[in-house]
């Protein structure tokens, strides 16, 4: 594919070993990096995307999967950004298989949180009848990242938030010892509190949450 080859060549030409070392360390050495900082990476990426717009639009899902299979983290960021733009308003019901695959592969908070909010969340707005089935399956999973996604998918929903889903998912995972789950509960509640602080305060007050979840939930409240 012209797009992927052009992106590979450009990232290789602009790699920075010193930055790459620091970026990999920040991500607990889970992934190698080219060492291209976000602003520069997006500039390169968008320029090549613009030059190959027809190819990317026609093959967004396949290109994203190809990019996601590459080791360097910058490719995976690009894959996610392609899907956010190209699939919004154009999801197919079977795209949940693609979404789950992205969550389960190369998993870390930086990718999972973006996928949960901007891809899974958008998918379920387009297919609301799938929400209960998908979120129940994710939250029942033994995989922490699917659990986290089930908590976070409504970030940004504001008044569209299904409060029953939000609170039930928080309670379902409330006793988890996982840092990333405790943090997600607090974050999801804090975000919803921007629209409905009274309900969040009451929920935190009347339910047993881990200290980290409670602290994060109430962080911006007086």
C-alpha atoms as a PDB file:
ATOM      1  CA  UNK A   1       0.000   0.000   0.000  1.00  0.00           C
ATOM      2  CA  UNK A   2       1.357   3.405  -0.958  1.00  0.00           C
ATOM      3  CA  UNK A   3       0.094   5.024   2.233  1.00  0.00           C
ATOM      4  CA  UNK A   4       1.720   2.565   4.627  1.00  0.00           C
ATOM      5  CA  UNK A   5       4.988   2.477   2.713  1.00  0.00           C
ATOM      6  CA  UNK A   6       5.175   6.281   2.638  1.00  0.00           C
ATOM      7  CA  UNK A   7       4.428   6.424   6.356  1.00  0.00           C
ATOM      8  CA  UNK A   8       7.075   3.812   7.164  1.00  0.00           C
ATOM      9  CA  UNK A   9       9.688   5.646   5.138  1.00  0.00           C
ATOM     10  CA  UNK A  10       8.883   9.008   6.678  1.00  0.00           C
ATOM     11  CA  UNK A  11       8.841   7.730  10.257  1.00  0.00           C
ATOM     12  CA  UNK A  12      12.150   5.954   9.666  1.00  0.00           C
ATOM     13  CA  UNK A  13      13.666   9.150   8.255  1.00  0.00           C
ATOM     14  CA  UNK A  14      12.491  11.179  11.253  1.00  0.00           C
ATOM     15  CA  UNK A  15      13.281   8.769  14.080  1.00  0.00           C
ATOM     16  CA  UNK A  16      15.018  10.076  17.173  1.00  0.00           C
ATOM     17  CA  UNK A  17      16.740   7.390  19.294  1.00  0.00           C
ATOM     18  CA  UNK A  18      17.044   9.627  22.351  1.00  0.00           C
ATOM     19  CA  UNK A  19      13.329  10.442  22.314  1.00  0.00           C
ATOM     20  CA  UNK A  20      12.519   6.818  21.544  1.00  0.00           C
ATOM     21  CA  UNK A  21      14.321   5.643  24.668  1.00  0.00           C
ATOM     22  CA  UNK A  22      12.468   8.139  26.871  1.00  0.00           C
ATOM     23  CA  UNK A  23       9.085   7.402  25.298  1.00  0.00           C
ATOM     24  CA  UNK A  24       9.504   3.650  25.664  1.00  0.00           C
ATOM     25  CA  UNK A  25      10.542   4.067  29.292  1.00  0.00           C
ATOM     26  CA  UNK A  26       7.437   6.201  29.985  1.00  0.00           C
ATOM     27  CA  UNK A  27       5.320   3.348  28.616  1.00  0.00           C
ATOM     28  CA  UNK A  28       7.085   0.834  30.898  1.00  0.00           C
ATOM     29  CA  UNK A  29       9.044  -0.484  27.891  1.00  0.00           C
ATOM     30  CA  UNK A  30       5.955  -2.217  26.573  1.00  0.00           C
ATOM     31  CA  UNK A  31       6.496  -0.867  23.061  1.00  0.00           C
ATOM     32  CA  UNK A  32       9.328   0.385  20.856  1.00  0.00           C
ATOM     33  CA  UNK A  33       9.075   3.916  19.478  1.00  0.00           C
ATOM     34  CA  UNK A  34      10.556   5.843  16.587  1.00  0.00           C
ATOM     35  CA  UNK A  35      10.859   8.730  19.035  1.00  0.00           C
ATOM     36  CA  UNK A  36       8.685  11.141  17.035  1.00  0.00           C
ATOM     37  CA  UNK A  37       6.802  13.469  19.362  1.00  0.00           C
ATOM     38  CA  UNK A  38       3.052  13.847  18.988  1.00  0.00           C
ATOM     39  CA  UNK A  39       2.927  17.155  17.153  1.00  0.00           C
ATOM     40  CA  UNK A  40       5.550  16.129  14.600  1.00  0.00           C
ATOM     41  CA  UNK A  41       4.105  12.653  14.221  1.00  0.00           C
ATOM     42  CA  UNK A  42       0.673  14.076  13.457  1.00  0.00           C
ATOM     43  CA  UNK A  43       2.120  16.567  10.978  1.00  0.00           C
ATOM     44  CA  UNK A  44       3.888  13.797   9.054  1.00  0.00           C
ATOM     45  CA  UNK A  45       0.904  11.468   9.294  1.00  0.00           C
ATOM     46  CA  UNK A  46      -1.689  14.003   8.132  1.00  0.00           C
ATOM     47  CA  UNK A  47       0.451  15.097   5.204  1.00  0.00           C
ATOM     48  CA  UNK A  48       0.824  11.515   3.961  1.00  0.00           C
ATOM     49  CA  UNK A  49      -2.835  10.786   4.691  1.00  0.00           C
ATOM     50  CA  UNK A  50      -3.860  13.791   2.592  1.00  0.00           C
ATOM     51  CA  UNK A  51      -1.697  12.579  -0.301  1.00  0.00           C
ATOM     52  CA  UNK A  52      -3.285   9.119  -0.105  1.00  0.00           C
ATOM     53  CA  UNK A  53      -6.775  10.090   1.011  1.00  0.00           C
ATOM     54  CA  UNK A  54      -8.682   7.906  -1.454  1.00  0.00           C
ATOM     55  CA  UNK A  55      -6.679   4.805  -0.537  1.00  0.00           C
ATOM     56  CA  UNK A  56      -7.163   5.353   3.186  1.00  0.00           C
ATOM     57  CA  UNK A  57     -10.892   6.072   2.906  1.00  0.00           C
ATOM     58  CA  UNK A  58     -11.484   2.991   0.778  1.00  0.00           C
ATOM     59  CA  UNK A  59      -9.448   0.658   3.000  1.00  0.00           C
ATOM     60  CA  UNK A  60      -9.596   2.242   6.466  1.00  0.00           C
ATOM     61  CA  UNK A  61     -10.194  -0.955   8.419  1.00  0.00           C
ATOM     62  CA  UNK A  62      -7.536  -2.997   6.630  1.00  0.00           C
ATOM     63  CA  UNK A  63      -4.953  -0.225   6.787  1.00  0.00           C
ATOM     64  CA  UNK A  64      -5.627   0.271  10.483  1.00  0.00           C
ATOM     65  CA  UNK A  65      -5.125  -3.439  11.182  1.00  0.00           C
ATOM     66  CA  UNK A  66      -1.889  -3.468   9.195  1.00  0.00           C
ATOM     67  CA  UNK A  67      -0.595  -0.465  11.102  1.00  0.00           C
ATOM     68  CA  UNK A  68      -1.688  -1.939  14.411  1.00  0.00           C
ATOM     69  CA  UNK A  69       0.330  -5.092  13.765  1.00  0.00           C
ATOM     70  CA  UNK A  70       3.580  -3.137  13.447  1.00  0.00           C
ATOM     71  CA  UNK A  71       5.778  -2.902  16.546  1.00  0.00           C
ATOM     72  CA  UNK A  72       6.402   0.830  16.808  1.00  0.00           C
ATOM     73  CA  UNK A  73       3.796   2.620  18.878  1.00  0.00           C
ATOM     74  CA  UNK A  74       3.480   5.550  16.501  1.00  0.00           C
ATOM     75  CA  UNK A  75       1.903   3.245  13.902  1.00  0.00           C
ATOM     76  CA  UNK A  76      -0.737   2.159  16.387  1.00  0.00           C
ATOM     77  CA  UNK A  77      -1.600   5.771  17.217  1.00  0.00           C
ATOM     78  CA  UNK A  78      -2.066   6.420  13.501  1.00  0.00           C
ATOM     79  CA  UNK A  79      -4.328   3.380  13.136  1.00  0.00           C
ATOM     80  CA  UNK A  80      -6.583   4.621  15.904  1.00  0.00           C
ATOM     81  CA  UNK A  81      -6.762   8.130  14.453  1.00  0.00           C
ATOM     82  CA  UNK A  82      -7.724   6.765  11.043  1.00  0.00           C
ATOM     83  CA  UNK A  83     -10.590   4.755  12.491  1.00  0.00           C
ATOM     84  CA  UNK A  84     -11.844   7.639  14.626  1.00  0.00           C
ATOM     85  CA  UNK A  85     -12.219   9.811  11.546  1.00  0.00           C
ATOM     86  CA  UNK A  86     -13.158   7.326   8.853  1.00  0.00           C
ATOM     87  CA  UNK A  87     -15.674   5.216  10.792  1.00  0.00           C
ATOM     88  CA  UNK A  88     -17.609   7.921  12.604  1.00  0.00           C
ATOM     89  CA  UNK A  89     -21.120   7.802  11.221  1.00  0.00           C
ATOM     90  CA  UNK A  90     -20.127   4.798   9.083  1.00  0.00           C
ATOM     91  CA  UNK A  91     -19.841   1.924  11.518  1.00  0.00           C
ATOM     92  CA  UNK A  92     -21.066  -1.540  10.625  1.00  0.00           C
ATOM     93  CA  UNK A  93     -22.516  -3.787  13.297  1.00  0.00           C
ATOM     94  CA  UNK A  94     -19.695  -6.290  12.826  1.00  0.00           C
ATOM     95  CA  UNK A  95     -17.113  -3.591  13.608  1.00  0.00           C
ATOM     96  CA  UNK A  96     -17.371  -4.589  17.257  1.00  0.00           C
ATOM     97  CA  UNK A  97     -15.041  -7.482  16.346  1.00  0.00           C
ATOM     98  CA  UNK A  98     -12.466  -4.993  15.074  1.00  0.00           C
ATOM     99  CA  UNK A  99     -12.888  -2.797  18.139  1.00  0.00           C
ATOM    100  CA  UNK A 100     -12.412  -5.716  20.516  1.00  0.00           C
ATOM    101  CA  UNK A 101      -9.312  -6.826  18.622  1.00  0.00           C
ATOM    102  CA  UNK A 102      -7.773  -3.365  18.991  1.00  0.00           C
ATOM    103  CA  UNK A 103      -8.511  -3.288  22.716  1.00  0.00           C
ATOM    104  CA  UNK A 104      -6.992  -6.735  23.260  1.00  0.00           C
ATOM    105  CA  UNK A 105      -3.818  -6.206  21.233  1.00  0.00           C
ATOM    106  CA  UNK A 106      -0.896  -3.969  22.167  1.00  0.00           C
ATOM    107  CA  UNK A 107      -2.950  -2.983  25.188  1.00  0.00           C
ATOM    108  CA  UNK A 108      -2.007  -0.120  27.431  1.00  0.00           C
ATOM    109  CA  UNK A 109      -3.880   2.857  28.851  1.00  0.00           C
ATOM    110  CA  UNK A 110      -2.915   5.233  26.039  1.00  0.00           C
ATOM    111  CA  UNK A 111      -4.508   3.132  23.302  1.00  0.00           C
ATOM    112  CA  UNK A 112      -7.354   1.554  25.266  1.00  0.00           C
ATOM    113  CA  UNK A 113      -8.676   4.831  26.666  1.00  0.00           C
ATOM    114  CA  UNK A 114      -8.766   6.464  23.243  1.00  0.00           C
ATOM    115  CA  UNK A 115     -10.448   3.439  21.682  1.00  0.00           C
ATOM    116  CA  UNK A 116     -12.992   3.218  24.512  1.00  0.00           C
ATOM    117  CA  UNK A 117     -14.048   6.855  24.254  1.00  0.00           C
ATOM    118  CA  UNK A 118     -13.754   7.668  20.566  1.00  0.00           C
ATOM    119  CA  UNK A 119     -14.358   4.328  18.855  1.00  0.00           C
ATOM    120  CA  UNK A 120     -16.314   2.001  21.165  1.00  0.00           C
ATOM    121  CA  UNK A 121     -18.315   4.951  22.498  1.00  0.00           C
ATOM    122  CA  UNK A 122     -19.159   6.172  18.993  1.00  0.00           C
ATOM    123  CA  UNK A 123     -19.995   2.665  17.794  1.00  0.00           C
ATOM    124  CA  UNK A 124     -22.505   2.202  20.614  1.00  0.00           C
ATOM    125  CA  UNK A 125     -24.102   5.567  19.887  1.00  0.00           C
ATOM    126  CA  UNK A 126     -24.708   4.311  16.356  1.00  0.00           C
ATOM    127  CA  UNK A 127     -25.907   0.886  17.550  1.00  0.00           C
ATOM    128  CA  UNK A 128     -27.501   1.559  20.956  1.00  0.00           C
ATOM    129  CA  UNK A 129     -29.361  -1.755  20.884  1.00  0.00           C
ATOM    130  CA  UNK A 130     -25.959  -3.489  21.072  1.00  0.00           C
ATOM    131  CA  UNK A 131     -24.885  -1.676  24.240  1.00  0.00           C
ATOM    132  CA  UNK A 132     -26.175  -4.106  26.841  1.00  0.00           C
ATOM    133  CA  UNK A 133     -24.814  -7.167  25.045  1.00  0.00           C
ATOM    134  CA  UNK A 134     -21.399  -5.659  24.315  1.00  0.00           C
ATOM    135  CA  UNK A 135     -20.826  -4.014  27.678  1.00  0.00           C
ATOM    136  CA  UNK A 136     -21.990  -7.047  29.620  1.00  0.00           C
ATOM    137  CA  UNK A 137     -19.584  -9.245  27.662  1.00  0.00           C
ATOM    138  CA  UNK A 138     -16.721  -6.809  28.160  1.00  0.00           C
ATOM    139  CA  UNK A 139     -17.365  -6.357  31.862  1.00  0.00           C
ATOM    140  CA  UNK A 140     -17.711 -10.123  32.424  1.00  0.00           C
ATOM    141  CA  UNK A 141     -14.385 -10.762  30.703  1.00  0.00           C
ATOM    142  CA  UNK A 142     -11.252 -11.801  32.551  1.00  0.00           C
ATOM    143  CA  UNK A 143      -9.375  -9.184  30.520  1.00  0.00           C
ATOM    144  CA  UNK A 144      -8.718  -5.988  32.467  1.00  0.00           C
ATOM    145  CA  UNK A 145      -8.682  -3.786  29.369  1.00  0.00           C
ATOM    146  CA  UNK A 146     -12.130  -4.918  28.262  1.00  0.00           C
ATOM    147  CA  UNK A 147     -13.319  -4.251  31.827  1.00  0.00           C
ATOM    148  CA  UNK A 148     -11.808  -0.767  31.712  1.00  0.00           C
ATOM    149  CA  UNK A 149     -13.409  -0.073  28.332  1.00  0.00           C
ATOM    150  CA  UNK A 150     -16.821  -1.056  29.693  1.00  0.00           C
ATOM    151  CA  UNK A 151     -16.406   1.579  32.405  1.00  0.00           C
ATOM    152  CA  UNK A 152     -15.032   4.340  30.174  1.00  0.00           C
ATOM    153  CA  UNK A 153     -17.002   4.076  26.922  1.00  0.00           C
ATOM    154  CA  UNK A 154     -19.428   6.836  27.965  1.00  0.00           C
ATOM    155  CA  UNK A 155     -16.729   9.447  28.541  1.00  0.00           C
ATOM    156  CA  UNK A 156     -17.963  12.553  26.761  1.00  0.00           C
ATOM    157  CA  UNK A 157     -21.588  11.393  26.602  1.00  0.00           C
ATOM    158  CA  UNK A 158     -22.548  14.075  29.153  1.00  0.00           C
ATOM    159  CA  UNK A 159     -26.362  14.249  29.330  1.00  0.00           C
ATOM    160  CA  UNK A 160     -26.616  11.210  27.046  1.00  0.00           C
ATOM    161  CA  UNK A 161     -24.949   9.068  29.714  1.00  0.00           C
ATOM    162  CA  UNK A 162     -26.874   5.956  30.659  1.00  0.00           C
ATOM    163  CA  UNK A 163     -26.499   6.371  34.405  1.00  0.00           C
ATOM    164  CA  UNK A 164     -27.701   2.856  35.192  1.00  0.00           C
ATOM    165  CA  UNK A 165     -24.931   1.415  33.016  1.00  0.00           C
ATOM    166  CA  UNK A 166     -22.325   3.738  34.489  1.00  0.00           C
ATOM    167  CA  UNK A 167     -23.160   3.038  38.112  1.00  0.00           C
ATOM    168  CA  UNK A 168     -23.669  -0.703  37.608  1.00  0.00           C
ATOM    169  CA  UNK A 169     -20.304  -1.048  35.848  1.00  0.00           C
ATOM    170  CA  UNK A 170     -18.574   0.887  38.614  1.00  0.00           C
ATOM    171  CA  UNK A 171     -20.154  -1.327  41.256  1.00  0.00           C
ATOM    172  CA  UNK A 172     -19.380  -4.480  39.313  1.00  0.00           C
ATOM    173  CA  UNK A 173     -15.661  -3.663  39.361  1.00  0.00           C
ATOM    174  CA  UNK A 174     -15.603  -1.746  42.652  1.00  0.00           C
ATOM    175  CA  UNK A 175     -13.618  -4.384  44.537  1.00  0.00           C
ATOM    176  CA  UNK A 176     -10.971  -4.844  41.856  1.00  0.00           C
ATOM    177  CA  UNK A 177      -7.382  -4.616  43.060  1.00  0.00           C
ATOM    178  CA  UNK A 178      -6.226  -3.426  39.626  1.00  0.00           C
ATOM    179  CA  UNK A 179      -4.931   0.138  39.604  1.00  0.00           C
ATOM    180  CA  UNK A 180      -6.241   0.743  36.092  1.00  0.00           C
ATOM    181  CA  UNK A 181      -9.754  -0.361  37.064  1.00  0.00           C
ATOM    182  CA  UNK A 182      -9.848   1.693  40.250  1.00  0.00           C
ATOM    183  CA  UNK A 183      -8.622   4.721  38.320  1.00  0.00           C
ATOM    184  CA  UNK A 184     -11.168   4.172  35.535  1.00  0.00           C
ATOM    185  CA  UNK A 185     -14.056   4.094  37.999  1.00  0.00           C
ATOM    186  CA  UNK A 186     -12.990   7.395  39.494  1.00  0.00           C
ATOM    187  CA  UNK A 187     -12.415   8.983  36.103  1.00  0.00           C
ATOM    188  CA  UNK A 188     -15.784   7.889  34.697  1.00  0.00           C
ATOM    189  CA  UNK A 189     -17.606   9.186  37.775  1.00  0.00           C
ATOM    190  CA  UNK A 190     -15.659  12.462  37.768  1.00  0.00           C
ATOM    191  CA  UNK A 191     -16.512  13.017  34.115  1.00  0.00           C
ATOM    192  CA  UNK A 192     -20.217  12.391  34.682  1.00  0.00           C
ATOM    193  CA  UNK A 193     -20.128  14.686  37.709  1.00  0.00           C
ATOM    194  CA  UNK A 194     -19.566  17.589  35.297  1.00  0.00           C
ATOM    195  CA  UNK A 195     -23.179  17.035  34.209  1.00  0.00           C
ATOM    196  CA  UNK A 196     -24.677  15.691  37.421  1.00  0.00           C
ATOM    197  CA  UNK A 197     -22.526  16.244  40.531  1.00  0.00           C
ATOM    198  CA  UNK A 198     -25.332  15.526  42.987  1.00  0.00           C
ATOM    199  CA  UNK A 199     -25.923  11.994  41.721  1.00  0.00           C
ATOM    200  CA  UNK A 200     -22.218  11.208  41.733  1.00  0.00           C
ATOM    201  CA  UNK A 201     -21.780  12.510  45.268  1.00  0.00           C
ATOM    202  CA  UNK A 202     -24.710  10.412  46.416  1.00  0.00           C
ATOM    203  CA  UNK A 203     -23.393   7.328  44.618  1.00  0.00           C
ATOM    204  CA  UNK A 204     -19.947   7.673  46.178  1.00  0.00           C
ATOM    205  CA  UNK A 205     -21.472   8.319  49.603  1.00  0.00           C
ATOM    206  CA  UNK A 206     -23.787   5.310  49.579  1.00  0.00           C
ATOM    207  CA  UNK A 207     -21.504   2.705  47.980  1.00  0.00           C
ATOM    208  CA  UNK A 208     -18.192   1.139  48.952  1.00  0.00           C
ATOM    209  CA  UNK A 209     -15.454   2.143  46.543  1.00  0.00           C
ATOM    210  CA  UNK A 210     -11.701   1.739  46.730  1.00  0.00           C
ATOM    211  CA  UNK A 211      -9.971   4.861  48.115  1.00  0.00           C
ATOM    212  CA  UNK A 212      -8.394   5.669  44.738  1.00  0.00           C
ATOM    213  CA  UNK A 213     -11.755   5.462  42.939  1.00  0.00           C
ATOM    214  CA  UNK A 214     -13.403   7.663  45.531  1.00  0.00           C
ATOM    215  CA  UNK A 215     -10.579  10.206  45.463  1.00  0.00           C
ATOM    216  CA  UNK A 216     -10.650  10.448  41.670  1.00  0.00           C
ATOM    217  CA  UNK A 217     -14.444  10.681  41.542  1.00  0.00           C
ATOM    218  CA  UNK A 218     -14.604  13.617  43.934  1.00  0.00           C
ATOM    219  CA  UNK A 219     -11.397  15.365  42.817  1.00  0.00           C
ATOM    220  CA  UNK A 220     -13.016  18.448  41.273  1.00  0.00           C
ATOM    221  CA  UNK A 221     -15.869  18.850  43.738  1.00  0.00           C
ATOM    222  CA  UNK A 222     -15.940  21.394  46.529  1.00  0.00           C
END
